[in-house]
Each structure stands twice: as structure tokens, then as C-alpha cells.
N, C-alpha and C. Protein backbone atom coordinates (compact mmCIF):
# COMPACT_ATOMS: atom_id res chain seq x y z
N MET A 1 -0.76 28.18 36.94
CA MET A 1 0.45 27.49 37.33
C MET A 1 0.14 26.02 37.69
N SER A 2 1.07 25.16 37.34
CA SER A 2 0.94 23.77 37.74
C SER A 2 1.70 23.56 39.05
N LYS A 3 1.59 22.36 39.61
CA LYS A 3 2.29 22.07 40.86
C LYS A 3 3.67 21.50 40.59
N ARG A 4 4.06 21.43 39.34
CA ARG A 4 5.34 20.84 38.99
C ARG A 4 6.45 21.89 39.05
N ILE A 5 7.62 21.45 39.44
CA ILE A 5 8.79 22.33 39.55
C ILE A 5 9.68 22.12 38.34
N CYS A 6 10.25 23.18 37.86
CA CYS A 6 11.11 23.14 36.67
C CYS A 6 12.28 22.18 36.88
N PRO A 7 12.46 21.20 35.97
CA PRO A 7 13.57 20.25 36.10
C PRO A 7 14.91 20.87 35.68
N VAL A 8 14.86 22.07 35.11
CA VAL A 8 16.09 22.72 34.66
C VAL A 8 16.74 23.50 35.80
N CYS A 9 15.95 24.41 36.39
CA CYS A 9 16.51 25.24 37.46
C CYS A 9 16.19 24.72 38.85
N GLY A 10 15.13 23.91 38.97
CA GLY A 10 14.77 23.33 40.24
C GLY A 10 14.01 24.22 41.19
N ILE A 11 13.66 25.43 40.77
CA ILE A 11 12.98 26.35 41.70
C ILE A 11 11.68 26.92 41.12
N GLY A 12 11.57 27.02 39.82
CA GLY A 12 10.42 27.66 39.21
C GLY A 12 9.18 26.78 39.21
N ALA A 13 8.04 27.36 39.57
CA ALA A 13 6.76 26.66 39.46
C ALA A 13 6.29 26.80 38.01
N LEU A 14 6.13 25.67 37.35
CA LEU A 14 5.89 25.68 35.91
C LEU A 14 4.48 26.10 35.53
N GLU A 15 4.39 26.79 34.41
CA GLU A 15 3.11 27.13 33.81
C GLU A 15 2.82 26.09 32.74
N LYS A 16 1.65 25.44 32.82
CA LYS A 16 1.26 24.40 31.87
C LYS A 16 0.53 25.02 30.69
N ILE A 17 0.98 24.67 29.48
CA ILE A 17 0.37 25.20 28.26
C ILE A 17 -0.15 24.03 27.43
N LEU A 18 -1.44 24.00 27.16
CA LEU A 18 -2.04 22.94 26.35
C LEU A 18 -2.08 23.36 24.88
N THR A 19 -1.66 22.45 24.00
CA THR A 19 -1.61 22.73 22.57
C THR A 19 -2.25 21.58 21.79
N SER A 20 -3.02 21.90 20.76
CA SER A 20 -3.63 20.88 19.91
C SER A 20 -2.79 20.68 18.65
N ILE A 21 -2.54 19.43 18.31
CA ILE A 21 -1.81 19.12 17.08
C ILE A 21 -2.59 18.06 16.32
N THR A 22 -2.42 18.02 15.00
CA THR A 22 -3.11 17.04 14.15
C THR A 22 -2.10 16.04 13.60
N LEU A 23 -2.38 14.78 13.83
CA LEU A 23 -1.54 13.69 13.32
C LEU A 23 -2.22 13.09 12.10
N SER A 24 -1.41 12.68 11.14
CA SER A 24 -1.97 12.09 9.92
C SER A 24 -1.28 10.78 9.59
N ASP A 25 -2.04 9.88 8.99
CA ASP A 25 -1.55 8.57 8.58
C ASP A 25 -1.54 8.52 7.05
N PRO A 26 -0.61 7.76 6.43
CA PRO A 26 -0.57 7.66 4.96
C PRO A 26 -1.89 7.24 4.33
N SER A 27 -2.73 6.53 5.07
CA SER A 27 -4.01 6.09 4.52
C SER A 27 -5.06 7.18 4.53
N GLY A 28 -4.72 8.35 5.10
CA GLY A 28 -5.66 9.47 5.10
C GLY A 28 -6.34 9.73 6.43
N ILE A 29 -6.08 8.88 7.41
CA ILE A 29 -6.67 9.07 8.74
C ILE A 29 -6.01 10.25 9.44
N GLU A 30 -6.80 11.11 10.04
CA GLU A 30 -6.28 12.25 10.79
C GLU A 30 -6.89 12.28 12.18
N LYS A 31 -6.08 12.60 13.17
CA LYS A 31 -6.56 12.72 14.54
C LYS A 31 -5.95 13.97 15.17
N THR A 32 -6.79 14.72 15.87
CA THR A 32 -6.31 15.88 16.61
C THR A 32 -6.21 15.52 18.08
N ILE A 33 -5.04 15.74 18.66
CA ILE A 33 -4.84 15.41 20.08
C ILE A 33 -4.30 16.63 20.81
N GLU A 34 -4.36 16.56 22.11
CA GLU A 34 -3.88 17.65 22.96
C GLU A 34 -2.59 17.23 23.65
N ILE A 35 -1.57 18.06 23.56
CA ILE A 35 -0.31 17.79 24.23
C ILE A 35 -0.01 18.91 25.23
N SER A 36 0.85 18.62 26.18
CA SER A 36 1.17 19.57 27.24
C SER A 36 2.62 20.05 27.14
N GLU A 37 2.80 21.34 27.24
CA GLU A 37 4.13 21.92 27.32
C GLU A 37 4.19 22.79 28.57
N TYR A 38 5.39 23.05 29.03
CA TYR A 38 5.55 23.82 30.26
C TYR A 38 6.52 24.99 30.03
N LYS A 39 6.30 26.03 30.81
CA LYS A 39 7.17 27.20 30.76
C LYS A 39 7.55 27.60 32.18
N CYS A 40 8.86 27.82 32.37
CA CYS A 40 9.35 28.21 33.69
C CYS A 40 9.54 29.72 33.75
N PRO A 41 8.87 30.41 34.66
CA PRO A 41 9.03 31.85 34.78
C PRO A 41 10.38 32.26 35.37
N ALA A 42 11.05 31.31 36.01
CA ALA A 42 12.32 31.62 36.65
C ALA A 42 13.50 31.59 35.66
N CYS A 43 13.63 30.49 34.95
CA CYS A 43 14.76 30.35 34.01
C CYS A 43 14.34 30.44 32.55
N GLU A 44 13.04 30.57 32.32
CA GLU A 44 12.46 30.72 30.98
C GLU A 44 12.59 29.46 30.11
N ALA A 45 12.90 28.34 30.73
CA ALA A 45 12.91 27.08 29.98
C ALA A 45 11.47 26.74 29.60
N GLU A 46 11.29 26.21 28.39
CA GLU A 46 9.94 25.85 27.96
C GLU A 46 9.96 24.70 26.97
N GLY A 47 8.83 24.02 26.87
CA GLY A 47 8.69 22.89 25.96
C GLY A 47 8.21 21.66 26.70
N ASP A 48 8.45 20.50 26.10
CA ASP A 48 8.07 19.23 26.72
C ASP A 48 9.18 18.83 27.69
N LEU A 49 9.20 19.47 28.83
CA LEU A 49 10.31 19.34 29.78
C LEU A 49 10.40 17.97 30.43
N PHE A 50 9.35 17.18 30.38
CA PHE A 50 9.35 15.86 31.01
C PHE A 50 9.28 14.71 29.99
N GLY A 51 9.34 15.05 28.69
CA GLY A 51 9.33 14.02 27.65
C GLY A 51 8.06 13.20 27.59
N GLU A 52 6.94 13.81 27.93
CA GLU A 52 5.67 13.08 27.97
C GLU A 52 4.97 13.02 26.62
N ASN A 53 5.18 14.03 25.79
CA ASN A 53 4.42 14.12 24.55
C ASN A 53 4.77 13.02 23.54
N ASP A 54 6.03 12.59 23.53
CA ASP A 54 6.43 11.53 22.60
C ASP A 54 5.60 10.27 22.84
N ARG A 55 5.40 9.93 24.11
CA ARG A 55 4.61 8.73 24.43
C ARG A 55 3.15 8.90 23.99
N VAL A 56 2.61 10.08 24.26
CA VAL A 56 1.21 10.36 23.87
C VAL A 56 1.05 10.27 22.36
N ILE A 57 2.00 10.86 21.62
CA ILE A 57 1.93 10.85 20.16
C ILE A 57 2.09 9.44 19.61
N GLN A 58 3.06 8.69 20.14
CA GLN A 58 3.28 7.32 19.65
C GLN A 58 2.10 6.42 19.95
N ASP A 59 1.47 6.60 21.12
CA ASP A 59 0.28 5.80 21.45
C ASP A 59 -0.86 6.09 20.46
N GLU A 60 -1.00 7.36 20.07
CA GLU A 60 -2.05 7.72 19.13
C GLU A 60 -1.76 7.18 17.74
N TYR A 61 -0.46 7.24 17.33
CA TYR A 61 -0.08 6.68 16.04
C TYR A 61 -0.35 5.17 16.01
N LYS A 62 -0.16 4.52 17.14
CA LYS A 62 -0.41 3.07 17.24
C LYS A 62 -1.89 2.77 16.99
N LYS A 63 -2.77 3.59 17.58
CA LYS A 63 -4.21 3.43 17.37
C LYS A 63 -4.58 3.69 15.91
N MET A 64 -3.96 4.71 15.32
CA MET A 64 -4.24 5.05 13.92
C MET A 64 -3.77 3.93 13.00
N ARG A 65 -2.62 3.34 13.35
CA ARG A 65 -2.09 2.24 12.54
C ARG A 65 -3.04 1.05 12.56
N ALA A 66 -3.56 0.73 13.74
CA ALA A 66 -4.51 -0.38 13.86
C ALA A 66 -5.78 -0.10 13.05
N GLU A 67 -6.24 1.14 13.09
CA GLU A 67 -7.44 1.52 12.34
C GLU A 67 -7.20 1.45 10.84
N ALA A 68 -6.02 1.90 10.40
CA ALA A 68 -5.69 1.89 8.98
C ALA A 68 -5.59 0.47 8.44
N VAL A 69 -4.92 -0.41 9.18
CA VAL A 69 -4.77 -1.80 8.76
C VAL A 69 -6.13 -2.49 8.70
N ALA A 70 -6.97 -2.26 9.70
CA ALA A 70 -8.31 -2.86 9.71
C ALA A 70 -9.11 -2.39 8.49
N SER A 71 -8.98 -1.11 8.15
CA SER A 71 -9.70 -0.57 6.99
C SER A 71 -9.20 -1.20 5.70
N MET A 72 -7.88 -1.37 5.56
CA MET A 72 -7.33 -1.99 4.35
C MET A 72 -7.74 -3.45 4.23
N LEU A 73 -7.76 -4.16 5.34
CA LEU A 73 -8.16 -5.57 5.30
C LEU A 73 -9.63 -5.73 4.95
N GLU A 74 -10.45 -4.75 5.31
CA GLU A 74 -11.86 -4.77 4.93
C GLU A 74 -12.02 -4.74 3.41
N LYS A 75 -11.06 -4.09 2.73
CA LYS A 75 -11.12 -3.95 1.27
C LYS A 75 -10.61 -5.19 0.54
N PHE A 76 -9.97 -6.10 1.27
CA PHE A 76 -9.41 -7.28 0.62
C PHE A 76 -10.50 -8.12 -0.05
N HIS A 77 -11.68 -8.17 0.57
CA HIS A 77 -12.77 -8.97 0.01
C HIS A 77 -13.16 -8.47 -1.38
N SER A 78 -13.26 -7.14 -1.54
CA SER A 78 -13.64 -6.57 -2.84
C SER A 78 -12.54 -6.80 -3.88
N LYS A 79 -11.31 -7.00 -3.41
CA LYS A 79 -10.20 -7.28 -4.32
C LYS A 79 -10.01 -8.77 -4.53
N LYS A 80 -10.94 -9.56 -3.98
CA LYS A 80 -10.92 -11.02 -4.10
C LYS A 80 -9.66 -11.62 -3.49
N ILE A 81 -9.25 -11.05 -2.36
CA ILE A 81 -8.10 -11.56 -1.62
C ILE A 81 -8.60 -12.28 -0.38
N SER A 82 -8.30 -13.54 -0.27
CA SER A 82 -8.68 -14.33 0.90
C SER A 82 -7.67 -14.09 2.02
N LEU A 83 -8.18 -13.80 3.22
CA LEU A 83 -7.28 -13.57 4.35
C LEU A 83 -6.47 -14.83 4.67
N SER A 84 -7.11 -15.97 4.63
CA SER A 84 -6.41 -17.22 4.94
C SER A 84 -5.33 -17.52 3.89
N ALA A 85 -5.65 -17.25 2.62
CA ALA A 85 -4.67 -17.47 1.56
C ALA A 85 -3.49 -16.50 1.70
N ALA A 86 -3.80 -15.25 2.05
CA ALA A 86 -2.75 -14.25 2.25
C ALA A 86 -1.85 -14.65 3.42
N GLU A 87 -2.45 -15.16 4.48
CA GLU A 87 -1.64 -15.62 5.63
C GLU A 87 -0.72 -16.75 5.21
N ARG A 88 -1.24 -17.63 4.36
CA ARG A 88 -0.43 -18.77 3.93
C ARG A 88 0.78 -18.34 3.12
N VAL A 89 0.58 -17.48 2.12
CA VAL A 89 1.70 -17.10 1.25
C VAL A 89 2.67 -16.15 1.96
N LEU A 90 2.16 -15.38 2.94
CA LEU A 90 3.03 -14.46 3.68
C LEU A 90 3.63 -15.13 4.92
N GLU A 91 3.26 -16.41 5.12
CA GLU A 91 3.77 -17.20 6.25
C GLU A 91 3.48 -16.54 7.59
N LEU A 92 2.24 -16.06 7.72
CA LEU A 92 1.78 -15.47 8.98
C LEU A 92 1.04 -16.53 9.78
N PRO A 93 1.07 -16.44 11.11
CA PRO A 93 0.31 -17.39 11.92
C PRO A 93 -1.18 -17.32 11.58
N GLN A 94 -1.86 -18.44 11.72
CA GLN A 94 -3.28 -18.53 11.38
C GLN A 94 -4.10 -17.50 12.16
N ARG A 95 -5.03 -16.85 11.47
CA ARG A 95 -5.96 -15.85 12.00
C ARG A 95 -5.29 -14.53 12.40
N THR A 96 -4.04 -14.35 12.01
CA THR A 96 -3.37 -13.08 12.31
C THR A 96 -4.09 -11.91 11.65
N LEU A 97 -4.41 -12.05 10.36
CA LEU A 97 -5.08 -10.98 9.64
C LEU A 97 -6.48 -10.72 10.19
N SER A 98 -7.16 -11.78 10.61
CA SER A 98 -8.49 -11.61 11.19
C SER A 98 -8.41 -10.80 12.49
N LYS A 99 -7.37 -11.06 13.27
CA LYS A 99 -7.19 -10.32 14.53
C LYS A 99 -6.86 -8.86 14.26
N TRP A 100 -6.08 -8.61 13.20
CA TRP A 100 -5.79 -7.22 12.84
C TRP A 100 -7.04 -6.53 12.32
N LYS A 101 -7.85 -7.31 11.60
CA LYS A 101 -9.07 -6.74 11.01
C LYS A 101 -10.08 -6.32 12.07
N ASN A 102 -10.23 -7.14 13.12
CA ASN A 102 -11.19 -6.79 14.17
C ASN A 102 -10.55 -6.02 15.33
N LYS A 103 -9.27 -5.65 15.14
CA LYS A 103 -8.52 -4.81 16.10
C LYS A 103 -8.31 -5.46 17.47
N SER A 104 -8.38 -6.80 17.50
CA SER A 104 -8.10 -7.48 18.76
C SER A 104 -6.60 -7.61 18.99
N MET A 105 -5.82 -7.34 17.94
CA MET A 105 -4.36 -7.34 18.04
C MET A 105 -3.84 -6.20 17.16
N VAL A 106 -2.90 -5.44 17.71
CA VAL A 106 -2.36 -4.29 16.98
C VAL A 106 -1.12 -4.71 16.19
N PRO A 107 -1.10 -4.49 14.88
CA PRO A 107 0.08 -4.86 14.08
C PRO A 107 1.25 -3.94 14.36
N SER A 108 2.44 -4.46 14.22
CA SER A 108 3.64 -3.64 14.38
C SER A 108 3.76 -2.69 13.19
N ALA A 109 4.68 -1.75 13.28
CA ALA A 109 4.88 -0.80 12.18
C ALA A 109 5.30 -1.53 10.91
N SER A 110 6.17 -2.55 11.04
CA SER A 110 6.62 -3.29 9.86
C SER A 110 5.49 -4.14 9.28
N ALA A 111 4.63 -4.70 10.14
CA ALA A 111 3.49 -5.47 9.66
C ALA A 111 2.50 -4.57 8.93
N ALA A 112 2.28 -3.38 9.47
CA ALA A 112 1.38 -2.42 8.81
C ALA A 112 1.93 -2.03 7.44
N LEU A 113 3.25 -1.89 7.35
CA LEU A 113 3.86 -1.56 6.08
C LEU A 113 3.64 -2.67 5.06
N LEU A 114 3.74 -3.91 5.51
CA LEU A 114 3.49 -5.06 4.63
C LEU A 114 2.07 -5.01 4.07
N ILE A 115 1.09 -4.72 4.93
CA ILE A 115 -0.31 -4.66 4.49
C ILE A 115 -0.51 -3.49 3.53
N ARG A 116 0.17 -2.38 3.76
CA ARG A 116 0.07 -1.24 2.85
C ARG A 116 0.57 -1.62 1.46
N TYR A 117 1.67 -2.36 1.40
CA TYR A 117 2.21 -2.80 0.11
C TYR A 117 1.22 -3.72 -0.61
N VAL A 118 0.68 -4.69 0.12
CA VAL A 118 -0.25 -5.65 -0.49
C VAL A 118 -1.54 -4.95 -0.92
N ASN A 119 -1.98 -3.99 -0.13
CA ASN A 119 -3.19 -3.24 -0.48
C ASN A 119 -2.97 -2.42 -1.75
N LEU A 120 -1.77 -1.86 -1.88
CA LEU A 120 -1.45 -1.05 -3.06
C LEU A 120 -1.10 -1.91 -4.26
N PHE A 121 -0.40 -3.01 -4.03
CA PHE A 121 0.04 -3.91 -5.11
C PHE A 121 -0.38 -5.35 -4.78
N PRO A 122 -1.64 -5.69 -4.99
CA PRO A 122 -2.13 -7.04 -4.65
C PRO A 122 -1.35 -8.17 -5.32
N TRP A 123 -0.75 -7.88 -6.47
CA TRP A 123 -0.01 -8.91 -7.20
C TRP A 123 1.22 -9.38 -6.42
N LEU A 124 1.62 -8.66 -5.37
CA LEU A 124 2.74 -9.11 -4.55
C LEU A 124 2.44 -10.44 -3.87
N LEU A 125 1.16 -10.71 -3.65
CA LEU A 125 0.78 -12.02 -3.09
C LEU A 125 1.09 -13.14 -4.07
N ASP A 126 0.91 -12.88 -5.37
CA ASP A 126 1.26 -13.88 -6.38
C ASP A 126 2.77 -14.10 -6.40
N VAL A 127 3.53 -13.02 -6.22
CA VAL A 127 4.99 -13.14 -6.16
C VAL A 127 5.39 -14.02 -4.98
N ALA A 128 4.77 -13.77 -3.83
CA ALA A 128 5.07 -14.57 -2.64
C ALA A 128 4.66 -16.02 -2.84
N ASP A 129 3.50 -16.23 -3.50
CA ASP A 129 3.00 -17.58 -3.73
C ASP A 129 3.91 -18.35 -4.67
N ASN A 130 4.66 -17.63 -5.49
CA ASN A 130 5.64 -18.25 -6.39
C ASN A 130 7.03 -18.29 -5.76
N LYS A 131 7.06 -18.17 -4.44
CA LYS A 131 8.31 -18.28 -3.67
C LYS A 131 9.36 -17.27 -4.09
N PHE A 132 8.89 -16.11 -4.54
CA PHE A 132 9.76 -14.99 -4.91
C PHE A 132 10.76 -15.35 -6.02
N ASN A 133 10.32 -16.27 -6.88
CA ASN A 133 11.15 -16.63 -8.04
C ASN A 133 11.32 -15.39 -8.92
N PRO A 134 12.56 -14.96 -9.20
CA PRO A 134 12.79 -13.71 -9.93
C PRO A 134 12.10 -13.63 -11.29
N LYS A 135 12.16 -14.71 -12.07
CA LYS A 135 11.55 -14.69 -13.40
C LYS A 135 10.04 -14.60 -13.29
N ASN A 136 9.46 -15.42 -12.42
CA ASN A 136 8.01 -15.37 -12.23
C ASN A 136 7.57 -14.01 -11.71
N ALA A 137 8.36 -13.45 -10.81
CA ALA A 137 8.03 -12.15 -10.23
C ALA A 137 7.98 -11.07 -11.31
N GLN A 138 8.93 -11.12 -12.24
CA GLN A 138 8.94 -10.15 -13.34
C GLN A 138 7.71 -10.28 -14.22
N GLN A 139 7.35 -11.51 -14.53
CA GLN A 139 6.17 -11.74 -15.37
C GLN A 139 4.89 -11.26 -14.67
N ILE A 140 4.78 -11.56 -13.40
CA ILE A 140 3.60 -11.13 -12.63
C ILE A 140 3.54 -9.61 -12.57
N HIS A 141 4.68 -8.98 -12.35
CA HIS A 141 4.75 -7.51 -12.26
C HIS A 141 4.35 -6.86 -13.57
N VAL A 142 4.91 -7.34 -14.67
CA VAL A 142 4.61 -6.75 -15.98
C VAL A 142 3.14 -6.94 -16.35
N THR A 143 2.61 -8.13 -16.08
CA THR A 143 1.21 -8.40 -16.39
C THR A 143 0.30 -7.45 -15.61
N ALA A 144 0.60 -7.27 -14.33
CA ALA A 144 -0.21 -6.37 -13.49
C ALA A 144 -0.09 -4.93 -13.98
N ALA A 145 1.12 -4.54 -14.38
CA ALA A 145 1.34 -3.18 -14.87
C ALA A 145 0.56 -2.93 -16.15
N MET A 146 0.54 -3.92 -17.04
CA MET A 146 -0.20 -3.77 -18.29
C MET A 146 -1.70 -3.69 -18.05
N ARG A 147 -2.17 -4.47 -17.07
CA ARG A 147 -3.59 -4.43 -16.73
C ARG A 147 -3.98 -3.03 -16.24
N ASP A 148 -3.15 -2.48 -15.38
CA ASP A 148 -3.40 -1.14 -14.86
C ASP A 148 -3.30 -0.09 -15.95
N LEU A 149 -2.32 -0.27 -16.85
CA LEU A 149 -2.13 0.68 -17.94
C LEU A 149 -3.34 0.71 -18.85
N CYS A 150 -3.91 -0.46 -19.10
CA CYS A 150 -5.12 -0.53 -19.93
C CYS A 150 -6.24 0.29 -19.30
N GLU A 151 -6.42 0.13 -18.00
CA GLU A 151 -7.49 0.83 -17.31
C GLU A 151 -7.24 2.34 -17.28
N MET A 152 -5.98 2.73 -17.14
CA MET A 152 -5.63 4.15 -17.04
C MET A 152 -5.77 4.88 -18.36
N THR A 153 -5.48 4.17 -19.47
CA THR A 153 -5.41 4.85 -20.76
C THR A 153 -6.68 4.69 -21.60
N LYS A 154 -7.58 3.84 -21.17
CA LYS A 154 -8.78 3.60 -21.97
C LYS A 154 -9.74 4.79 -21.85
N GLY A 155 -9.99 5.46 -22.96
CA GLY A 155 -10.89 6.61 -22.98
C GLY A 155 -12.28 6.20 -23.45
N SER A 156 -13.22 7.10 -23.33
CA SER A 156 -14.61 6.79 -23.70
C SER A 156 -14.77 6.55 -25.20
N ASP A 157 -13.83 7.08 -26.01
CA ASP A 157 -13.94 6.92 -27.45
C ASP A 157 -13.17 5.71 -27.96
N VAL A 158 -12.56 4.96 -27.07
CA VAL A 158 -11.79 3.78 -27.47
C VAL A 158 -12.70 2.56 -27.39
N THR A 159 -12.89 1.89 -28.52
CA THR A 159 -13.77 0.73 -28.57
C THR A 159 -13.04 -0.57 -28.32
N SER A 160 -11.73 -0.57 -28.51
CA SER A 160 -10.96 -1.78 -28.28
C SER A 160 -9.56 -1.42 -27.82
N LEU A 161 -9.10 -2.13 -26.79
CA LEU A 161 -7.78 -1.85 -26.24
C LEU A 161 -7.13 -3.17 -25.86
N SER A 162 -5.85 -3.32 -26.19
CA SER A 162 -5.15 -4.55 -25.82
C SER A 162 -3.70 -4.24 -25.50
N ALA A 163 -3.09 -5.16 -24.78
CA ALA A 163 -1.67 -5.03 -24.45
C ALA A 163 -1.10 -6.41 -24.26
N GLY A 164 0.19 -6.56 -24.43
CA GLY A 164 0.79 -7.86 -24.25
C GLY A 164 2.28 -7.85 -24.52
N ILE A 165 2.86 -9.04 -24.49
CA ILE A 165 4.28 -9.22 -24.77
C ILE A 165 4.40 -10.26 -25.88
N VAL A 166 5.10 -9.90 -26.93
CA VAL A 166 5.40 -10.83 -28.01
C VAL A 166 6.87 -11.18 -27.89
N GLU A 167 7.20 -12.47 -27.84
CA GLU A 167 8.59 -12.84 -27.65
C GLU A 167 8.95 -14.12 -28.38
N ASN A 168 10.24 -14.23 -28.70
CA ASN A 168 10.80 -15.49 -29.16
C ASN A 168 12.06 -15.74 -28.33
N LEU A 169 12.94 -16.60 -28.78
CA LEU A 169 14.11 -16.92 -27.97
C LEU A 169 15.06 -15.75 -27.80
N ASN A 170 15.03 -14.81 -28.76
CA ASN A 170 16.01 -13.73 -28.74
C ASN A 170 15.45 -12.35 -28.43
N ASN A 171 14.15 -12.15 -28.64
CA ASN A 171 13.59 -10.81 -28.51
C ASN A 171 12.23 -10.83 -27.82
N ALA A 172 11.87 -9.70 -27.27
CA ALA A 172 10.54 -9.53 -26.66
C ALA A 172 10.08 -8.10 -26.91
N VAL A 173 8.80 -7.95 -27.26
CA VAL A 173 8.22 -6.64 -27.53
C VAL A 173 6.99 -6.43 -26.66
N PHE A 174 6.94 -5.34 -25.95
CA PHE A 174 5.78 -4.97 -25.16
C PHE A 174 4.96 -3.98 -25.98
N TYR A 175 3.64 -4.20 -26.05
CA TYR A 175 2.82 -3.30 -26.86
C TYR A 175 1.50 -3.00 -26.18
N VAL A 176 0.96 -1.83 -26.49
CA VAL A 176 -0.39 -1.43 -26.09
C VAL A 176 -1.05 -0.83 -27.31
N ASN A 177 -2.24 -1.31 -27.67
CA ASN A 177 -2.97 -0.79 -28.82
C ASN A 177 -4.35 -0.29 -28.41
N MET A 178 -4.69 0.89 -28.86
CA MET A 178 -6.04 1.43 -28.66
C MET A 178 -6.61 1.73 -30.03
N GLU A 179 -7.72 1.06 -30.38
CA GLU A 179 -8.30 1.20 -31.71
C GLU A 179 -9.81 1.40 -31.63
N LYS A 180 -10.38 1.80 -32.75
CA LYS A 180 -11.83 1.89 -32.89
C LYS A 180 -12.30 0.85 -33.89
N GLY A 181 -13.35 0.11 -33.52
CA GLY A 181 -13.96 -0.83 -34.45
C GLY A 181 -13.06 -1.96 -34.87
N ILE A 182 -12.18 -2.43 -33.98
CA ILE A 182 -11.30 -3.54 -34.35
C ILE A 182 -11.25 -4.50 -33.17
N THR A 183 -11.29 -5.77 -33.42
CA THR A 183 -11.33 -6.74 -32.34
C THR A 183 -9.93 -6.98 -31.78
N GLN A 184 -9.88 -7.52 -30.59
CA GLN A 184 -8.59 -7.85 -29.99
C GLN A 184 -7.84 -8.87 -30.86
N ARG A 185 -8.58 -9.81 -31.43
CA ARG A 185 -7.94 -10.85 -32.24
C ARG A 185 -7.25 -10.23 -33.46
N SER A 186 -7.92 -9.27 -34.12
CA SER A 186 -7.33 -8.68 -35.31
C SER A 186 -6.12 -7.82 -34.95
N ILE A 187 -6.15 -7.20 -33.76
CA ILE A 187 -4.99 -6.42 -33.32
C ILE A 187 -3.81 -7.35 -33.12
N MET A 188 -4.04 -8.48 -32.46
CA MET A 188 -2.94 -9.40 -32.19
C MET A 188 -2.44 -10.04 -33.48
N ASP A 189 -3.35 -10.30 -34.41
CA ASP A 189 -2.91 -10.82 -35.70
C ASP A 189 -1.96 -9.84 -36.37
N THR A 190 -2.30 -8.54 -36.28
CA THR A 190 -1.46 -7.51 -36.88
C THR A 190 -0.09 -7.48 -36.23
N VAL A 191 -0.07 -7.58 -34.89
CA VAL A 191 1.19 -7.51 -34.16
C VAL A 191 2.07 -8.70 -34.48
N THR A 192 1.44 -9.89 -34.59
CA THR A 192 2.22 -11.11 -34.75
C THR A 192 2.46 -11.51 -36.20
N SER A 193 1.84 -10.82 -37.15
CA SER A 193 1.95 -11.24 -38.55
C SER A 193 3.38 -11.22 -39.07
N ALA A 194 4.19 -10.33 -38.51
CA ALA A 194 5.57 -10.23 -38.99
C ALA A 194 6.52 -11.09 -38.16
N SER A 195 5.97 -11.84 -37.20
CA SER A 195 6.83 -12.60 -36.29
C SER A 195 6.32 -14.03 -36.15
N THR A 196 6.52 -14.84 -37.15
CA THR A 196 6.04 -16.22 -37.15
C THR A 196 6.70 -17.00 -36.00
N GLY A 197 5.88 -17.77 -35.31
CA GLY A 197 6.41 -18.59 -34.23
C GLY A 197 6.47 -17.90 -32.89
N LEU A 198 6.00 -16.65 -32.80
CA LEU A 198 6.02 -15.95 -31.52
C LEU A 198 4.78 -16.28 -30.72
N MET A 199 4.87 -16.08 -29.42
CA MET A 199 3.72 -16.30 -28.54
C MET A 199 3.31 -14.97 -27.91
N VAL A 200 2.02 -14.72 -27.88
CA VAL A 200 1.49 -13.53 -27.20
C VAL A 200 1.02 -13.97 -25.83
N HIS A 201 1.67 -13.44 -24.77
CA HIS A 201 1.29 -13.81 -23.41
C HIS A 201 0.12 -12.98 -22.93
N SER A 202 -0.63 -13.52 -22.02
CA SER A 202 -1.75 -12.79 -21.43
C SER A 202 -1.24 -11.52 -20.79
N GLY A 203 -1.89 -10.40 -21.08
CA GLY A 203 -1.45 -9.12 -20.54
C GLY A 203 -2.54 -8.43 -19.79
N ALA A 204 -2.54 -7.08 -19.87
CA ALA A 204 -3.43 -6.27 -19.04
C ALA A 204 -4.89 -6.54 -19.33
N CYS A 205 -5.22 -6.87 -20.57
CA CYS A 205 -6.63 -7.07 -20.90
C CYS A 205 -7.05 -8.52 -20.74
N GLU A 206 -6.16 -9.34 -20.21
CA GLU A 206 -6.44 -10.71 -19.85
C GLU A 206 -6.96 -11.54 -21.02
N TYR A 207 -6.16 -11.65 -22.05
CA TYR A 207 -6.46 -12.57 -23.12
C TYR A 207 -5.24 -13.45 -23.35
N SER A 208 -5.40 -14.53 -24.06
CA SER A 208 -4.25 -15.33 -24.46
C SER A 208 -4.49 -15.85 -25.87
N TYR A 209 -3.42 -15.91 -26.63
CA TYR A 209 -3.55 -16.31 -28.03
C TYR A 209 -2.19 -16.79 -28.51
N GLU A 210 -2.16 -17.90 -29.20
CA GLU A 210 -0.89 -18.41 -29.71
C GLU A 210 -0.98 -18.50 -31.22
N THR A 211 0.14 -18.13 -31.88
CA THR A 211 0.21 -18.25 -33.33
C THR A 211 0.61 -19.67 -33.70
């Protein structure tokens, strides 16, 4: 029995029950914590009668969020993302990302969500750097998608793979080619041979070529 009195009936001496629960973060972090529940032998009321567990759980989620953001920012270097450049395009105060990285400042839930998006889609920084111009954003998005598609679809037996957009004033064609024993240049020549005056924009395989 605990020394606490039931807040429901006001007379029962509460029995304290400790329970372990596991919290998880979208980044894969898991933490097991202990929460307290109470049971009244007089009126049989039970549960988190004093509303204490919500605070304990939220405090733990806050720590997990800080850990997750720090871990994602550690990966920015391998993705060739400069923290100072990211702060500039996202209009964050100077050294904000560094403080999140070393956990000297805990990011808010919305700030953590922003970092999750950038970690998952680094090209969003290019969109921000282009002042969220709709046309530029579409081009950046498609180029990044083609780059990822190339990596996802390239098999061990594929010797050459290319992707791009062929367009003129009236039409645009998106293409992906996987071939054996053929160069990227010959693939693009084949694609553009029927479309004189078209331009092939740099795509997933990062080439550029003009007819």
C-alpha cells in the first residue's frame, strides 16, 4: 500500500502498481520506462489517478526526440550537407543545428519533423534555396526521383542505365533505359533521334547532353 488516498472516494489507501512500457520513435529508437498506476480497494478505482504518467512519457519522448535529431544531423556530413548552409536556406538562427547535434538544445516537435523531412529528402534544401519556386521545385523533385529510381532499379546484370526528360515547347517525355553493352550517349541518341531540337535535361544518372 502507498500513503496516498484515493482521489475518487477520498477514503481508500491506494495500492501502487508499477508497469513497464516501451516507447518508440520513428527513427527506430526504443526506450523502456516504468510508470505508476494505483488501485483503490474501497471504490475499486484504478489507473493513473493523479495524471502523472503523461508527464513522464512526454519527458521521455522529448529525450528520444533530441537523440533522434542528433543522430540524423550526424549523417548530414556523409550526405554532403553543410549545417551552416542548411541553417541559411531554412532561415534558422546561426548554430541552431550544431546545438541540436550536440544536444545542448532540444528541438521542438515541429523542428524535429523538419529535420526528419530533410534527412529523408535532402533535395528539399535545394527547393528552399530556390525560394520555393514552384517550377524549380518540380524540376528538383523529378531529378532527385530519377536519381533514386536509377539506384533502385539497377541490377547486377545491367551494364548501362540512364534516365532523363526530353522536352520541347509542347511536350515532355520522362524515360528510364536499362541496357547491356550500350553507352549512355548512344541511348540518348536513340531517344532524341526522332525529336530534333529537343533538350535532354540532367536526370538520375547525372549527365547532360544537348542535341
